[in-house]
N, C-alpha and C. Protein backbone atom coordinates (compact mmCIF):
# COMPACT_ATOMS: atom_id res chain seq x y z
N MET A 1 -21.64 -35.91 -10.33
CA MET A 1 -21.37 -34.47 -10.32
C MET A 1 -19.87 -34.27 -9.92
N THR A 2 -19.27 -33.37 -10.54
CA THR A 2 -17.83 -33.04 -10.32
C THR A 2 -17.51 -32.42 -9.02
N GLU A 3 -16.66 -33.00 -8.07
CA GLU A 3 -16.35 -32.35 -6.98
C GLU A 3 -15.14 -31.58 -7.21
N THR A 4 -15.19 -30.24 -6.64
CA THR A 4 -14.19 -29.11 -6.74
C THR A 4 -13.58 -28.70 -5.55
N THR A 5 -13.20 -27.54 -5.56
CA THR A 5 -12.58 -26.74 -4.44
C THR A 5 -13.16 -27.28 -3.06
N GLY A 6 -12.34 -28.14 -2.44
CA GLY A 6 -12.89 -28.47 -1.10
C GLY A 6 -14.02 -29.49 -1.15
N GLY A 7 -14.28 -29.98 -2.27
CA GLY A 7 -15.49 -30.98 -2.27
C GLY A 7 -16.75 -30.22 -2.30
N PHE A 8 -16.76 -28.95 -2.69
CA PHE A 8 -17.96 -28.21 -2.71
C PHE A 8 -18.53 -28.46 -4.22
N THR A 9 -19.81 -28.32 -4.41
CA THR A 9 -20.43 -28.33 -5.81
C THR A 9 -21.15 -26.93 -5.96
N SER A 10 -21.31 -26.66 -7.26
CA SER A 10 -22.07 -25.43 -7.42
C SER A 10 -23.54 -25.40 -7.03
N ALA A 11 -24.14 -26.65 -7.18
CA ALA A 11 -25.46 -26.73 -6.74
C ALA A 11 -25.61 -26.89 -5.33
N GLY A 12 -24.68 -27.32 -4.46
CA GLY A 12 -24.73 -27.30 -3.10
C GLY A 12 -24.57 -25.69 -2.57
N LEU A 13 -23.65 -25.07 -3.21
CA LEU A 13 -23.46 -23.71 -2.85
C LEU A 13 -24.69 -22.79 -3.24
N GLU A 14 -25.37 -23.12 -4.22
CA GLU A 14 -26.47 -22.44 -4.70
C GLU A 14 -27.67 -22.54 -3.60
N LEU A 15 -27.73 -23.71 -3.25
CA LEU A 15 -28.96 -24.09 -2.19
C LEU A 15 -28.62 -23.48 -0.88
N GLU A 16 -27.08 -23.46 -0.62
CA GLU A 16 -26.97 -22.77 0.68
C GLU A 16 -27.03 -21.34 0.49
N ALA A 17 -26.69 -20.64 -0.47
CA ALA A 17 -27.07 -19.29 -0.71
C ALA A 17 -28.52 -18.88 -0.58
N GLN A 18 -29.30 -19.66 -1.20
CA GLN A 18 -30.80 -19.55 -1.08
C GLN A 18 -31.13 -19.61 0.34
N THR A 19 -30.75 -20.79 0.96
CA THR A 19 -31.07 -20.83 2.44
C THR A 19 -30.80 -19.74 3.27
N LEU A 20 -29.50 -19.32 3.08
CA LEU A 20 -29.00 -18.09 3.99
C LEU A 20 -29.25 -16.70 3.59
N THR A 21 -29.74 -16.41 2.47
CA THR A 21 -30.14 -15.18 2.08
C THR A 21 -31.40 -14.58 2.86
N LEU A 22 -31.01 -13.41 3.38
CA LEU A 22 -32.01 -12.70 4.25
C LEU A 22 -32.92 -11.97 3.38
N PRO A 23 -34.21 -11.94 3.90
CA PRO A 23 -35.16 -11.05 3.04
C PRO A 23 -34.97 -9.78 2.99
N SER A 24 -34.20 -9.26 3.87
CA SER A 24 -33.99 -7.61 3.78
C SER A 24 -32.68 -7.62 5.02
N LEU A 25 -31.98 -6.42 4.89
CA LEU A 25 -31.00 -6.00 5.80
C LEU A 25 -30.84 -4.54 5.82
N SER A 26 -30.98 -4.05 6.95
CA SER A 26 -30.95 -2.46 7.20
C SER A 26 -29.48 -2.26 7.53
N ILE A 27 -29.25 -1.08 7.41
CA ILE A 27 -27.90 -0.52 7.60
C ILE A 27 -27.49 -0.81 9.19
N SER A 28 -28.25 -0.60 10.06
CA SER A 28 -28.14 -0.90 11.40
C SER A 28 -27.85 -2.46 11.53
N GLU A 29 -28.51 -3.24 10.91
CA GLU A 29 -28.16 -4.81 10.98
C GLU A 29 -27.02 -5.10 10.20
N ALA A 30 -26.52 -4.52 9.19
CA ALA A 30 -25.37 -4.75 8.58
C ALA A 30 -24.05 -4.13 9.44
N VAL A 31 -24.23 -3.14 10.03
CA VAL A 31 -23.15 -2.52 10.86
C VAL A 31 -23.03 -3.60 12.27
N GLU A 32 -24.17 -4.08 12.76
CA GLU A 32 -24.30 -5.08 13.85
C GLU A 32 -23.45 -6.30 13.45
N LEU A 33 -23.72 -6.83 12.26
CA LEU A 33 -23.02 -8.07 11.61
C LEU A 33 -21.50 -7.78 11.72
N GLY A 34 -21.20 -6.45 11.13
CA GLY A 34 -19.71 -6.18 11.32
C GLY A 34 -18.99 -6.22 12.48
N GLU A 35 -19.87 -5.69 13.49
CA GLU A 35 -19.23 -5.45 14.82
C GLU A 35 -19.27 -6.76 15.53
N ILE A 36 -20.26 -7.78 15.17
CA ILE A 36 -19.97 -9.13 15.77
C ILE A 36 -18.67 -9.72 15.36
N ALA A 37 -18.69 -9.62 13.83
CA ALA A 37 -17.47 -10.27 13.34
C ALA A 37 -16.20 -9.58 13.90
N ALA A 38 -16.30 -8.35 13.91
CA ALA A 38 -15.03 -7.59 14.67
C ALA A 38 -14.68 -8.18 16.21
N GLN A 39 -15.79 -8.40 16.85
CA GLN A 39 -15.54 -8.97 18.24
C GLN A 39 -14.96 -10.36 18.24
N LEU A 40 -15.54 -11.21 17.30
CA LEU A 40 -14.91 -12.72 17.16
C LEU A 40 -13.55 -12.51 16.73
N GLY A 41 -13.23 -11.62 15.61
CA GLY A 41 -11.95 -11.35 15.16
C GLY A 41 -10.96 -10.92 16.45
N ARG A 42 -11.29 -10.22 17.25
CA ARG A 42 -10.63 -9.56 18.29
C ARG A 42 -10.26 -10.67 19.41
N ASP A 43 -11.26 -11.34 19.68
CA ASP A 43 -11.43 -12.38 20.75
C ASP A 43 -10.29 -13.54 20.26
N ARG A 44 -10.36 -13.76 19.04
CA ARG A 44 -9.43 -14.81 18.55
C ARG A 44 -8.15 -14.42 18.06
N ALA A 45 -7.74 -13.04 18.07
CA ALA A 45 -6.57 -12.43 17.67
C ALA A 45 -6.40 -12.71 16.22
N LEU A 46 -7.45 -12.61 15.43
CA LEU A 46 -7.08 -12.96 13.98
C LEU A 46 -6.66 -11.65 13.24
N PRO A 47 -5.72 -11.91 12.32
CA PRO A 47 -5.26 -10.68 11.58
C PRO A 47 -6.21 -10.60 10.40
N ILE A 48 -7.24 -10.18 10.55
CA ILE A 48 -8.25 -10.01 9.39
C ILE A 48 -8.82 -8.64 9.10
N ALA A 49 -9.34 -8.23 7.92
CA ALA A 49 -10.18 -7.16 7.59
C ALA A 49 -11.47 -7.60 7.47
N ILE A 50 -12.52 -6.75 7.95
CA ILE A 50 -13.90 -7.30 7.73
C ILE A 50 -14.63 -5.89 6.98
N GLU A 51 -15.49 -6.53 6.08
CA GLU A 51 -16.33 -5.60 5.24
C GLU A 51 -17.74 -5.93 5.07
N VAL A 52 -18.61 -5.15 5.32
CA VAL A 52 -20.08 -5.49 5.11
C VAL A 52 -20.57 -4.63 4.10
N ARG A 53 -21.24 -5.01 3.08
CA ARG A 53 -21.58 -4.10 2.03
C ARG A 53 -23.23 -4.37 1.72
N LEU A 54 -23.85 -3.24 1.40
CA LEU A 54 -25.09 -3.27 0.89
C LEU A 54 -24.91 -2.85 -0.50
N HIS A 55 -24.95 -4.03 -1.38
CA HIS A 55 -24.79 -3.74 -2.85
C HIS A 55 -23.39 -3.04 -3.08
N ASP A 56 -23.20 -1.97 -3.54
CA ASP A 56 -21.79 -1.44 -3.78
C ASP A 56 -21.52 -0.19 -2.74
N TRP A 57 -22.29 -0.41 -1.77
CA TRP A 57 -21.96 0.55 -0.57
C TRP A 57 -21.42 -0.09 0.65
N THR A 58 -20.30 0.27 0.99
CA THR A 58 -19.58 -0.18 2.20
C THR A 58 -20.09 0.43 3.35
N VAL A 59 -20.64 -0.12 4.22
CA VAL A 59 -21.38 0.20 5.67
C VAL A 59 -20.53 0.01 6.69
N PHE A 60 -19.65 -0.99 6.70
CA PHE A 60 -18.59 -1.41 7.72
C PHE A 60 -17.53 -1.72 7.20
N HIS A 61 -16.41 -1.24 7.80
CA HIS A 61 -15.14 -1.67 7.44
C HIS A 61 -14.12 -1.62 8.56
N LEU A 62 -13.31 -2.67 8.90
CA LEU A 62 -12.48 -2.57 9.86
C LEU A 62 -11.13 -3.59 9.56
N SER A 63 -9.99 -3.13 9.89
CA SER A 63 -8.88 -3.72 9.82
C SER A 63 -8.09 -4.09 11.17
N LEU A 64 -8.00 -5.31 11.54
CA LEU A 64 -7.56 -5.73 12.78
C LEU A 64 -6.00 -5.77 12.59
N PRO A 65 -5.26 -5.76 13.83
CA PRO A 65 -3.86 -5.77 13.78
C PRO A 65 -3.48 -7.17 13.02
N GLY A 66 -2.44 -7.06 12.12
CA GLY A 66 -2.00 -8.19 11.32
C GLY A 66 -2.39 -8.17 10.00
N SER A 67 -3.61 -7.50 9.79
CA SER A 67 -4.13 -7.24 8.32
C SER A 67 -3.18 -6.44 7.51
N SER A 68 -3.49 -6.13 6.19
CA SER A 68 -2.60 -5.25 5.53
C SER A 68 -3.57 -4.64 4.43
N PRO A 69 -3.01 -3.66 3.87
CA PRO A 69 -3.70 -2.87 2.65
C PRO A 69 -4.18 -3.89 1.80
N ASP A 70 -3.34 -5.07 1.55
CA ASP A 70 -3.60 -6.07 0.54
C ASP A 70 -5.03 -6.63 0.75
N ASN A 71 -5.40 -6.76 2.07
CA ASN A 71 -6.98 -7.13 2.29
C ASN A 71 -8.03 -6.36 1.74
N ASP A 72 -7.65 -5.15 1.77
CA ASP A 72 -8.68 -4.19 1.26
C ASP A 72 -8.80 -4.53 -0.47
N ALA A 73 -7.75 -4.51 -0.94
CA ALA A 73 -7.72 -4.73 -2.35
C ALA A 73 -8.38 -6.06 -2.76
N TRP A 74 -8.02 -7.08 -2.01
CA TRP A 74 -8.72 -8.51 -2.18
C TRP A 74 -10.23 -8.30 -1.95
N MET A 75 -10.47 -7.66 -1.02
CA MET A 75 -12.05 -7.63 -0.80
C MET A 75 -12.76 -6.73 -1.91
N ASN A 76 -12.19 -5.74 -2.46
CA ASN A 76 -12.63 -5.14 -3.53
C ASN A 76 -12.80 -6.06 -4.74
N ARG A 77 -11.74 -6.83 -5.03
CA ARG A 77 -11.85 -7.58 -6.14
C ARG A 77 -12.93 -8.63 -6.09
N LYS A 78 -13.13 -9.21 -4.83
CA LYS A 78 -14.24 -10.21 -4.54
C LYS A 78 -15.52 -9.47 -4.74
N ALA A 79 -15.60 -8.25 -4.31
CA ALA A 79 -16.97 -7.48 -4.15
C ALA A 79 -17.44 -7.53 -5.69
N ARG A 80 -16.53 -6.95 -6.48
CA ARG A 80 -16.82 -6.66 -7.93
C ARG A 80 -17.22 -8.08 -8.60
N VAL A 81 -16.81 -9.16 -8.20
CA VAL A 81 -17.48 -10.34 -8.80
C VAL A 81 -18.93 -10.65 -8.38
N VAL A 82 -19.23 -10.49 -7.03
CA VAL A 82 -20.48 -10.46 -6.44
C VAL A 82 -21.53 -9.42 -7.30
N LEU A 83 -20.98 -8.21 -7.25
CA LEU A 83 -21.62 -7.16 -7.80
C LEU A 83 -22.08 -7.67 -9.43
N ALA A 84 -20.97 -8.20 -10.23
CA ALA A 84 -21.14 -8.54 -11.48
C ALA A 84 -21.91 -9.64 -11.79
N THR A 85 -22.05 -10.80 -10.79
CA THR A 85 -22.72 -12.04 -11.13
C THR A 85 -24.01 -12.36 -10.43
N GLY A 86 -24.00 -11.64 -9.03
CA GLY A 86 -24.97 -11.86 -8.10
C GLY A 86 -24.85 -13.20 -7.34
N HIS A 87 -23.56 -13.66 -7.37
CA HIS A 87 -23.21 -14.89 -6.80
C HIS A 87 -21.95 -14.86 -5.97
N SER A 88 -21.61 -15.82 -5.01
CA SER A 88 -20.38 -15.59 -4.18
C SER A 88 -19.24 -16.03 -5.12
N THR A 89 -18.06 -15.50 -4.63
CA THR A 89 -16.86 -15.79 -5.46
C THR A 89 -16.54 -17.28 -5.39
N MET A 90 -17.03 -18.07 -4.20
CA MET A 90 -16.86 -19.50 -4.16
C MET A 90 -17.59 -20.01 -5.07
N TYR A 91 -18.97 -19.73 -5.33
CA TYR A 91 -19.67 -20.29 -6.29
C TYR A 91 -19.11 -20.22 -7.74
N GLU A 92 -18.78 -19.00 -8.10
CA GLU A 92 -18.27 -18.71 -9.42
C GLU A 92 -16.97 -19.48 -9.70
N ARG A 93 -16.12 -19.74 -8.55
CA ARG A 93 -15.02 -20.46 -8.84
C ARG A 93 -15.26 -22.00 -9.04
N VAL A 94 -16.13 -22.50 -8.20
CA VAL A 94 -16.54 -24.02 -8.28
C VAL A 94 -17.19 -24.22 -9.58
N LEU A 95 -18.16 -23.21 -9.91
CA LEU A 95 -18.91 -23.54 -11.01
C LEU A 95 -17.96 -23.38 -12.38
N ALA A 96 -16.94 -22.66 -12.54
CA ALA A 96 -15.96 -22.58 -13.54
C ALA A 96 -15.19 -23.81 -13.58
N GLU A 97 -14.89 -24.38 -12.38
CA GLU A 97 -14.01 -25.63 -12.34
C GLU A 97 -14.80 -26.80 -12.80
N GLU A 98 -16.14 -26.71 -12.56
CA GLU A 98 -16.93 -27.74 -12.95
C GLU A 98 -17.12 -27.75 -14.34
N GLN A 99 -17.19 -26.61 -14.95
CA GLN A 99 -17.36 -26.44 -16.39
C GLN A 99 -16.01 -26.39 -17.18
N GLY A 100 -15.07 -26.51 -16.58
CA GLY A 100 -13.61 -26.45 -17.06
C GLY A 100 -13.46 -25.26 -17.97
N ILE A 101 -13.82 -24.09 -17.70
CA ILE A 101 -13.73 -22.89 -18.31
C ILE A 101 -12.76 -22.02 -17.43
N ASN A 102 -11.99 -21.02 -18.26
CA ASN A 102 -11.36 -19.85 -17.60
C ASN A 102 -12.55 -18.72 -17.36
N TRP A 103 -12.82 -18.58 -16.04
CA TRP A 103 -13.83 -17.78 -15.67
C TRP A 103 -13.47 -16.30 -16.38
N TYR A 104 -12.27 -15.90 -16.17
CA TYR A 104 -11.96 -14.47 -16.48
C TYR A 104 -12.06 -14.18 -17.92
N GLU A 105 -11.82 -15.30 -18.81
CA GLU A 105 -11.90 -15.13 -20.23
C GLU A 105 -13.32 -15.19 -20.61
N VAL A 106 -14.10 -16.04 -20.17
CA VAL A 106 -15.57 -16.22 -20.41
C VAL A 106 -16.34 -15.07 -20.04
N LYS A 107 -16.24 -14.56 -18.83
CA LYS A 107 -16.88 -13.25 -18.48
C LYS A 107 -16.22 -12.11 -18.97
N GLY A 108 -15.06 -11.94 -19.40
CA GLY A 108 -14.48 -10.70 -20.02
C GLY A 108 -14.00 -9.83 -18.82
N LEU A 109 -13.69 -10.47 -17.70
CA LEU A 109 -13.46 -9.60 -16.61
C LEU A 109 -11.95 -9.75 -16.17
N PRO A 110 -11.09 -8.90 -16.04
CA PRO A 110 -9.71 -9.00 -15.62
C PRO A 110 -9.38 -9.55 -14.12
N GLU A 111 -8.52 -10.54 -14.16
CA GLU A 111 -8.17 -11.04 -12.77
C GLU A 111 -7.39 -9.84 -11.87
N GLU A 112 -6.92 -9.00 -12.52
CA GLU A 112 -6.37 -7.80 -11.60
C GLU A 112 -7.41 -7.01 -10.78
N THR A 113 -8.75 -7.08 -11.44
CA THR A 113 -9.83 -6.31 -10.58
C THR A 113 -10.91 -7.16 -10.13
N HIS A 114 -10.93 -8.54 -10.19
CA HIS A 114 -11.90 -9.47 -9.98
C HIS A 114 -11.04 -10.74 -9.40
N ALA A 115 -11.73 -11.39 -8.22
CA ALA A 115 -11.02 -12.57 -7.88
C ALA A 115 -12.19 -13.54 -7.36
N ILE A 116 -12.03 -14.83 -8.01
CA ILE A 116 -13.01 -15.79 -7.89
C ILE A 116 -12.39 -16.69 -6.83
N HIS A 117 -12.18 -16.44 -5.46
CA HIS A 117 -11.67 -17.30 -4.59
C HIS A 117 -12.39 -17.27 -3.23
N GLY A 118 -12.46 -18.19 -2.47
CA GLY A 118 -13.07 -18.20 -1.19
C GLY A 118 -14.66 -18.02 -1.28
N GLY A 119 -15.21 -17.75 -0.19
CA GLY A 119 -16.57 -17.50 -0.10
C GLY A 119 -17.28 -16.24 -0.11
């Protein structure tokens, strides 16, 4: 099997996604996850933006000091990939690398509005 980005494989990422997928997630639980991530970011003084979505609904969003409006655009691009494919952006990138394809051309989705990077 071909090793790609960081040694990840699409099969390994798919197994991880199946293992970590929650059977359900309420709005309250989604907000709580965002708050936990926010506290970790504050404690570590990380310059991050945090977003928790339920499908196409953003239920938690916070930008910590040092983050920028570019982070919002980046999260939107990544979210569009997840909504279009049902998979993480990391999975989509690794799979495209394994297959040796240009993901954007094959999917017919523009890189300006979609990002297949990271997790």
